[in-house]
Amino acid sequence: MRGKRPREVAWALLAAAWLALGSACSVSSDLSRELGARCDSLDECAERCLDGARYPGGFCSVSCDGDDDCPDRASCADLEGGVCLYACDDATDCEFLGPGWQCRAEPGTGAGQVMVCVGPG
């Protein structure tokens, strides 16, 4: 960094850090301990930690009897006794969860099915 003034170097480093932070936050801005955060154990979530192939990397969720019990952008799927999962229309809606997540039709807690993000399992 010879020839650069310290202030220019500091601003360049700050700008690079800001861009990196912005990229990381945009991927996970919808994830929370209530819905979507990765987990290995229950204490990492507000209520439930779902694991296995159906939930790559673990998935924090809450129990539900219907869609009204779920946070925004989520539907109640009749899996694991009723859990909230992110609603989707196609695979691109699930990309923010990371590799292995797909948009699939699953049984809903009411009549019919719901389109939600799940793993291949």
N, C-alpha and C. Protein backbone atom coordinates (compact mmCIF):
# COMPACT_ATOMS: atom_id res chain seq x y z
N MET A 1 0.82 -1.18 0.00
CA MET A 1 0.00 0.00 0.00
C MET A 1 0.86 1.24 0.00
N ARG A 2 2.02 1.06 -0.47
CA ARG A 2 2.95 2.16 -0.55
C ARG A 2 2.42 3.21 -1.50
N GLY A 3 2.55 4.46 -1.12
CA GLY A 3 2.09 5.55 -1.97
C GLY A 3 0.67 5.98 -1.66
N LYS A 4 -0.08 5.19 -0.98
CA LYS A 4 -1.45 5.54 -0.61
C LYS A 4 -1.41 6.26 0.73
N ARG A 5 -2.28 7.22 0.85
CA ARG A 5 -2.38 7.91 2.13
C ARG A 5 -3.18 7.06 3.09
N PRO A 6 -2.87 7.14 4.38
CA PRO A 6 -3.58 6.32 5.37
C PRO A 6 -5.10 6.50 5.32
N ARG A 7 -5.56 7.70 5.09
CA ARG A 7 -7.01 7.94 5.05
C ARG A 7 -7.65 7.21 3.88
N GLU A 8 -7.02 7.21 2.71
CA GLU A 8 -7.55 6.51 1.55
C GLU A 8 -7.60 5.01 1.79
N VAL A 9 -6.56 4.48 2.42
CA VAL A 9 -6.51 3.06 2.73
C VAL A 9 -7.63 2.71 3.72
N ALA A 10 -7.82 3.52 4.73
CA ALA A 10 -8.86 3.28 5.72
C ALA A 10 -10.24 3.29 5.07
N TRP A 11 -10.48 4.25 4.18
CA TRP A 11 -11.78 4.31 3.50
C TRP A 11 -11.99 3.09 2.59
N ALA A 12 -10.95 2.67 1.93
CA ALA A 12 -11.05 1.50 1.05
C ALA A 12 -11.37 0.25 1.87
N LEU A 13 -10.71 0.08 3.01
CA LEU A 13 -10.98 -1.07 3.87
C LEU A 13 -12.39 -1.01 4.44
N LEU A 14 -12.83 0.18 4.84
CA LEU A 14 -14.18 0.35 5.37
C LEU A 14 -15.22 0.03 4.30
N ALA A 15 -15.00 0.49 3.08
CA ALA A 15 -15.93 0.22 1.99
C ALA A 15 -16.01 -1.28 1.70
N ALA A 16 -14.86 -1.96 1.70
CA ALA A 16 -14.84 -3.40 1.45
C ALA A 16 -15.59 -4.14 2.56
N ALA A 17 -15.37 -3.74 3.80
CA ALA A 17 -16.07 -4.38 4.93
C ALA A 17 -17.57 -4.14 4.83
N TRP A 18 -17.97 -2.94 4.46
CA TRP A 18 -19.39 -2.60 4.34
C TRP A 18 -20.06 -3.45 3.25
N LEU A 19 -19.39 -3.61 2.12
CA LEU A 19 -19.94 -4.43 1.05
C LEU A 19 -20.06 -5.90 1.48
N ALA A 20 -19.04 -6.41 2.16
CA ALA A 20 -19.09 -7.80 2.62
C ALA A 20 -20.21 -7.99 3.62
N LEU A 21 -20.38 -7.07 4.53
CA LEU A 21 -21.45 -7.15 5.52
C LEU A 21 -22.80 -7.06 4.85
N GLY A 22 -22.94 -6.17 3.90
CA GLY A 22 -24.21 -6.02 3.18
C GLY A 22 -24.59 -7.28 2.44
N SER A 23 -23.63 -7.95 1.83
CA SER A 23 -23.90 -9.19 1.13
C SER A 23 -24.33 -10.28 2.09
N ALA A 24 -23.66 -10.39 3.22
CA ALA A 24 -24.01 -11.41 4.20
C ALA A 24 -25.40 -11.16 4.77
N CYS A 25 -25.72 -9.92 5.04
CA CYS A 25 -27.01 -9.61 5.65
C CYS A 25 -28.16 -9.82 4.67
N SER A 26 -27.94 -9.58 3.40
CA SER A 26 -29.04 -9.72 2.46
C SER A 26 -29.49 -11.17 2.33
N VAL A 27 -28.59 -12.11 2.56
CA VAL A 27 -28.94 -13.51 2.46
C VAL A 27 -29.78 -13.94 3.65
N SER A 28 -29.46 -13.45 4.83
CA SER A 28 -30.09 -13.96 6.03
C SER A 28 -31.06 -12.99 6.70
N SER A 29 -31.45 -11.92 6.04
CA SER A 29 -32.27 -10.91 6.69
C SER A 29 -33.64 -11.43 7.10
N ASP A 30 -34.14 -12.49 6.47
CA ASP A 30 -35.45 -13.03 6.82
C ASP A 30 -35.36 -14.15 7.84
N LEU A 31 -34.17 -14.56 8.22
CA LEU A 31 -33.99 -15.67 9.13
C LEU A 31 -34.02 -15.18 10.57
N SER A 32 -34.63 -15.99 11.43
CA SER A 32 -34.67 -15.64 12.85
C SER A 32 -34.71 -16.91 13.68
N ARG A 33 -34.61 -16.74 15.00
CA ARG A 33 -34.72 -17.87 15.91
C ARG A 33 -36.14 -18.46 15.88
N GLU A 34 -37.09 -17.67 15.40
CA GLU A 34 -38.46 -18.15 15.28
C GLU A 34 -38.64 -18.95 13.99
N LEU A 35 -38.04 -18.47 12.90
CA LEU A 35 -38.22 -19.13 11.61
C LEU A 35 -36.99 -18.97 10.73
N GLY A 36 -36.38 -20.09 10.39
CA GLY A 36 -35.37 -20.12 9.35
C GLY A 36 -33.91 -20.17 9.75
N ALA A 37 -33.57 -19.78 10.97
CA ALA A 37 -32.16 -19.82 11.37
C ALA A 37 -31.69 -21.27 11.40
N ARG A 38 -30.41 -21.47 11.08
CA ARG A 38 -29.84 -22.81 11.17
C ARG A 38 -29.68 -23.17 12.64
N CYS A 39 -29.79 -24.47 12.95
CA CYS A 39 -29.68 -24.89 14.33
C CYS A 39 -29.17 -26.32 14.42
N ASP A 40 -28.55 -26.60 15.56
CA ASP A 40 -28.14 -27.95 15.90
C ASP A 40 -28.91 -28.46 17.11
N SER A 41 -29.46 -27.52 17.89
CA SER A 41 -30.18 -27.92 19.10
C SER A 41 -31.31 -26.93 19.39
N LEU A 42 -32.23 -27.36 20.21
CA LEU A 42 -33.41 -26.59 20.55
C LEU A 42 -33.08 -25.23 21.16
N ASP A 43 -32.02 -25.14 21.95
CA ASP A 43 -31.70 -23.88 22.62
C ASP A 43 -31.26 -22.78 21.65
N GLU A 44 -31.06 -23.11 20.39
CA GLU A 44 -30.70 -22.11 19.38
C GLU A 44 -31.93 -21.49 18.72
N CYS A 45 -33.13 -21.97 19.08
CA CYS A 45 -34.37 -21.52 18.45
C CYS A 45 -35.37 -21.04 19.48
N ALA A 46 -36.37 -20.31 19.02
CA ALA A 46 -37.44 -19.83 19.89
C ALA A 46 -38.30 -21.00 20.38
N GLU A 47 -38.56 -21.98 19.50
CA GLU A 47 -39.43 -23.10 19.90
C GLU A 47 -38.93 -24.47 19.47
N ARG A 48 -38.65 -24.64 18.17
CA ARG A 48 -38.28 -25.95 17.65
C ARG A 48 -37.07 -25.88 16.74
N CYS A 49 -36.25 -26.93 16.78
CA CYS A 49 -35.13 -27.09 15.85
C CYS A 49 -35.40 -28.35 15.06
N LEU A 50 -35.69 -28.19 13.77
CA LEU A 50 -35.96 -29.32 12.89
C LEU A 50 -34.65 -29.75 12.26
N ASP A 51 -34.42 -31.05 12.18
CA ASP A 51 -33.17 -31.53 11.58
C ASP A 51 -33.45 -32.67 10.63
N GLY A 52 -32.42 -33.18 10.04
CA GLY A 52 -32.55 -34.28 9.07
C GLY A 52 -32.49 -33.76 7.65
N ALA A 53 -32.57 -34.68 6.69
CA ALA A 53 -32.43 -34.35 5.28
C ALA A 53 -33.49 -33.36 4.80
N ARG A 54 -34.66 -33.37 5.41
CA ARG A 54 -35.74 -32.47 5.02
C ARG A 54 -35.43 -31.02 5.38
N TYR A 55 -34.48 -30.82 6.30
CA TYR A 55 -34.14 -29.48 6.79
C TYR A 55 -32.62 -29.32 6.80
N PRO A 56 -32.00 -29.14 5.62
CA PRO A 56 -30.53 -29.08 5.52
C PRO A 56 -29.92 -28.02 6.45
N GLY A 57 -29.01 -28.46 7.30
CA GLY A 57 -28.32 -27.55 8.22
C GLY A 57 -29.12 -27.22 9.47
N GLY A 58 -30.29 -27.84 9.63
CA GLY A 58 -31.16 -27.51 10.76
C GLY A 58 -32.00 -26.30 10.44
N PHE A 59 -33.18 -26.21 11.07
CA PHE A 59 -34.11 -25.14 10.73
C PHE A 59 -34.96 -24.80 11.94
N CYS A 60 -34.88 -23.57 12.40
CA CYS A 60 -35.73 -23.12 13.50
C CYS A 60 -37.14 -22.89 12.98
N SER A 61 -38.12 -23.36 13.74
CA SER A 61 -39.51 -23.20 13.35
C SER A 61 -40.39 -23.12 14.60
N VAL A 62 -41.65 -22.88 14.36
CA VAL A 62 -42.65 -22.88 15.43
C VAL A 62 -43.77 -23.83 15.04
N SER A 63 -44.45 -24.37 16.03
CA SER A 63 -45.57 -25.26 15.80
C SER A 63 -46.77 -24.48 15.30
N CYS A 64 -47.65 -25.15 14.57
CA CYS A 64 -48.83 -24.47 14.04
C CYS A 64 -49.97 -25.45 13.83
N ASP A 65 -51.16 -24.88 13.87
CA ASP A 65 -52.37 -25.62 13.51
C ASP A 65 -52.94 -25.10 12.20
N GLY A 66 -52.49 -23.92 11.77
CA GLY A 66 -52.93 -23.29 10.53
C GLY A 66 -52.02 -22.14 10.17
N ASP A 67 -52.18 -21.60 8.98
CA ASP A 67 -51.32 -20.52 8.49
C ASP A 67 -51.32 -19.30 9.41
N ASP A 68 -52.42 -19.04 10.09
CA ASP A 68 -52.50 -17.87 10.99
C ASP A 68 -51.53 -17.97 12.16
N ASP A 69 -51.06 -19.17 12.47
CA ASP A 69 -50.09 -19.37 13.55
C ASP A 69 -48.66 -19.09 13.11
N CYS A 70 -48.45 -18.86 11.82
CA CYS A 70 -47.10 -18.70 11.27
C CYS A 70 -46.74 -17.24 11.04
N PRO A 71 -45.43 -16.93 11.07
CA PRO A 71 -44.97 -15.59 10.73
C PRO A 71 -45.29 -15.26 9.27
N ASP A 72 -45.15 -13.99 8.91
CA ASP A 72 -45.33 -13.57 7.51
C ASP A 72 -44.44 -14.41 6.60
N ARG A 73 -44.91 -14.63 5.39
CA ARG A 73 -44.19 -15.37 4.36
C ARG A 73 -44.04 -16.85 4.67
N ALA A 74 -44.82 -17.37 5.62
CA ALA A 74 -44.72 -18.79 5.97
C ALA A 74 -46.10 -19.43 5.92
N SER A 75 -46.08 -20.74 5.69
CA SER A 75 -47.31 -21.54 5.69
C SER A 75 -47.15 -22.68 6.68
N CYS A 76 -48.28 -23.18 7.15
CA CYS A 76 -48.30 -24.29 8.09
C CYS A 76 -48.36 -25.59 7.31
N ALA A 77 -47.31 -26.40 7.42
CA ALA A 77 -47.25 -27.70 6.75
C ALA A 77 -47.53 -28.80 7.76
N ASP A 78 -48.24 -29.81 7.33
CA ASP A 78 -48.57 -30.94 8.20
C ASP A 78 -47.39 -31.91 8.22
N LEU A 79 -46.26 -31.42 8.69
CA LEU A 79 -45.04 -32.21 8.87
C LEU A 79 -44.62 -32.03 10.33
N GLU A 80 -44.01 -33.02 10.91
CA GLU A 80 -43.52 -32.91 12.28
C GLU A 80 -44.62 -32.48 13.26
N GLY A 81 -45.86 -32.81 12.98
CA GLY A 81 -46.96 -32.42 13.85
C GLY A 81 -47.50 -31.03 13.60
N GLY A 82 -47.08 -30.41 12.51
CA GLY A 82 -47.50 -29.05 12.14
C GLY A 82 -46.41 -28.05 12.42
N VAL A 83 -45.72 -27.58 11.38
CA VAL A 83 -44.64 -26.61 11.52
C VAL A 83 -44.75 -25.52 10.46
N CYS A 84 -44.29 -24.34 10.81
CA CYS A 84 -44.25 -23.24 9.86
C CYS A 84 -42.99 -23.35 9.02
N LEU A 85 -43.17 -23.24 7.70
CA LEU A 85 -42.05 -23.25 6.76
C LEU A 85 -42.27 -22.09 5.79
N TYR A 86 -41.18 -21.60 5.20
CA TYR A 86 -41.31 -20.49 4.25
C TYR A 86 -42.16 -20.91 3.06
N ALA A 87 -43.13 -20.09 2.70
CA ALA A 87 -43.96 -20.32 1.53
C ALA A 87 -43.15 -19.99 0.27
N CYS A 88 -43.46 -20.65 -0.83
CA CYS A 88 -42.72 -20.41 -2.06
C CYS A 88 -43.61 -20.66 -3.27
N ASP A 89 -43.17 -20.12 -4.41
CA ASP A 89 -43.82 -20.39 -5.69
C ASP A 89 -42.94 -21.24 -6.59
N ASP A 90 -41.61 -21.07 -6.43
CA ASP A 90 -40.66 -21.85 -7.21
C ASP A 90 -39.33 -21.91 -6.48
N ALA A 91 -38.37 -22.62 -7.03
CA ALA A 91 -37.08 -22.88 -6.37
C ALA A 91 -36.33 -21.60 -6.01
N THR A 92 -36.48 -20.55 -6.81
CA THR A 92 -35.74 -19.32 -6.51
C THR A 92 -36.19 -18.69 -5.19
N ASP A 93 -37.42 -18.96 -4.76
CA ASP A 93 -37.91 -18.43 -3.49
C ASP A 93 -37.21 -19.06 -2.29
N CYS A 94 -36.54 -20.19 -2.48
CA CYS A 94 -35.89 -20.89 -1.38
C CYS A 94 -34.37 -20.73 -1.38
N GLU A 95 -33.82 -20.08 -2.39
CA GLU A 95 -32.36 -19.97 -2.51
C GLU A 95 -31.72 -19.28 -1.32
N PHE A 96 -32.42 -18.34 -0.68
CA PHE A 96 -31.83 -17.61 0.44
C PHE A 96 -31.54 -18.52 1.64
N LEU A 97 -32.13 -19.72 1.66
CA LEU A 97 -31.89 -20.67 2.75
C LEU A 97 -30.60 -21.46 2.54
N GLY A 98 -30.06 -21.45 1.34
CA GLY A 98 -28.81 -22.13 1.07
C GLY A 98 -29.00 -23.37 0.20
N PRO A 99 -27.90 -24.07 -0.06
CA PRO A 99 -27.94 -25.25 -0.92
C PRO A 99 -28.82 -26.35 -0.33
N GLY A 100 -29.50 -27.06 -1.20
CA GLY A 100 -30.30 -28.20 -0.78
C GLY A 100 -31.77 -27.89 -0.54
N TRP A 101 -32.13 -26.63 -0.49
CA TRP A 101 -33.53 -26.27 -0.24
C TRP A 101 -34.28 -26.18 -1.56
N GLN A 102 -35.51 -26.71 -1.56
CA GLN A 102 -36.34 -26.75 -2.76
C GLN A 102 -37.76 -26.27 -2.42
N CYS A 103 -38.48 -25.86 -3.43
CA CYS A 103 -39.89 -25.50 -3.26
C CYS A 103 -40.70 -26.73 -3.64
N ARG A 104 -41.46 -27.25 -2.66
CA ARG A 104 -42.20 -28.48 -2.90
C ARG A 104 -43.61 -28.40 -2.33
N ALA A 105 -44.51 -29.14 -2.92
CA ALA A 105 -45.86 -29.26 -2.39
C ALA A 105 -45.84 -30.26 -1.24
N GLU A 106 -46.33 -29.84 -0.10
CA GLU A 106 -46.41 -30.69 1.08
C GLU A 106 -47.83 -30.62 1.63
N PRO A 107 -48.24 -31.62 2.41
CA PRO A 107 -49.58 -31.57 2.98
C PRO A 107 -49.74 -30.34 3.88
N GLY A 108 -50.84 -29.65 3.73
CA GLY A 108 -51.15 -28.53 4.60
C GLY A 108 -51.94 -29.02 5.80
N THR A 109 -52.09 -28.18 6.79
CA THR A 109 -52.87 -28.59 7.97
C THR A 109 -54.36 -28.48 7.71
N GLY A 110 -54.74 -27.75 6.68
CA GLY A 110 -56.14 -27.70 6.24
C GLY A 110 -56.30 -28.66 5.08
N ALA A 111 -57.31 -28.45 4.28
CA ALA A 111 -57.49 -29.27 3.09
C ALA A 111 -56.44 -28.89 2.06
N GLY A 112 -55.90 -29.85 1.38
CA GLY A 112 -54.97 -29.57 0.29
C GLY A 112 -53.53 -29.52 0.71
N GLN A 113 -52.73 -28.93 -0.19
CA GLN A 113 -51.30 -28.85 0.01
C GLN A 113 -50.84 -27.40 0.05
N VAL A 114 -49.63 -27.22 0.57
CA VAL A 114 -49.00 -25.90 0.60
C VAL A 114 -47.65 -26.01 -0.09
N MET A 115 -47.25 -24.95 -0.76
CA MET A 115 -45.93 -24.89 -1.38
C MET A 115 -44.99 -24.26 -0.38
N VAL A 116 -43.98 -25.04 0.05
CA VAL A 116 -43.05 -24.58 1.08
C VAL A 116 -41.62 -25.00 0.75
N CYS A 117 -40.67 -24.32 1.36
CA CYS A 117 -39.26 -24.64 1.20
C CYS A 117 -38.89 -25.79 2.13
N VAL A 118 -38.39 -26.87 1.56
CA VAL A 118 -37.90 -28.04 2.31
C VAL A 118 -36.69 -28.61 1.58
N GLY A 119 -36.01 -29.52 2.24
CA GLY A 119 -34.90 -30.20 1.62
C GLY A 119 -35.39 -31.40 0.81
N PRO A 120 -34.48 -32.13 0.21
CA PRO A 120 -34.85 -33.23 -0.66
C PRO A 120 -35.38 -34.45 0.08
N GLY A 121 -35.18 -34.53 1.38
CA GLY A 121 -35.52 -35.72 2.17
C GLY A 121 -36.95 -35.95 2.27
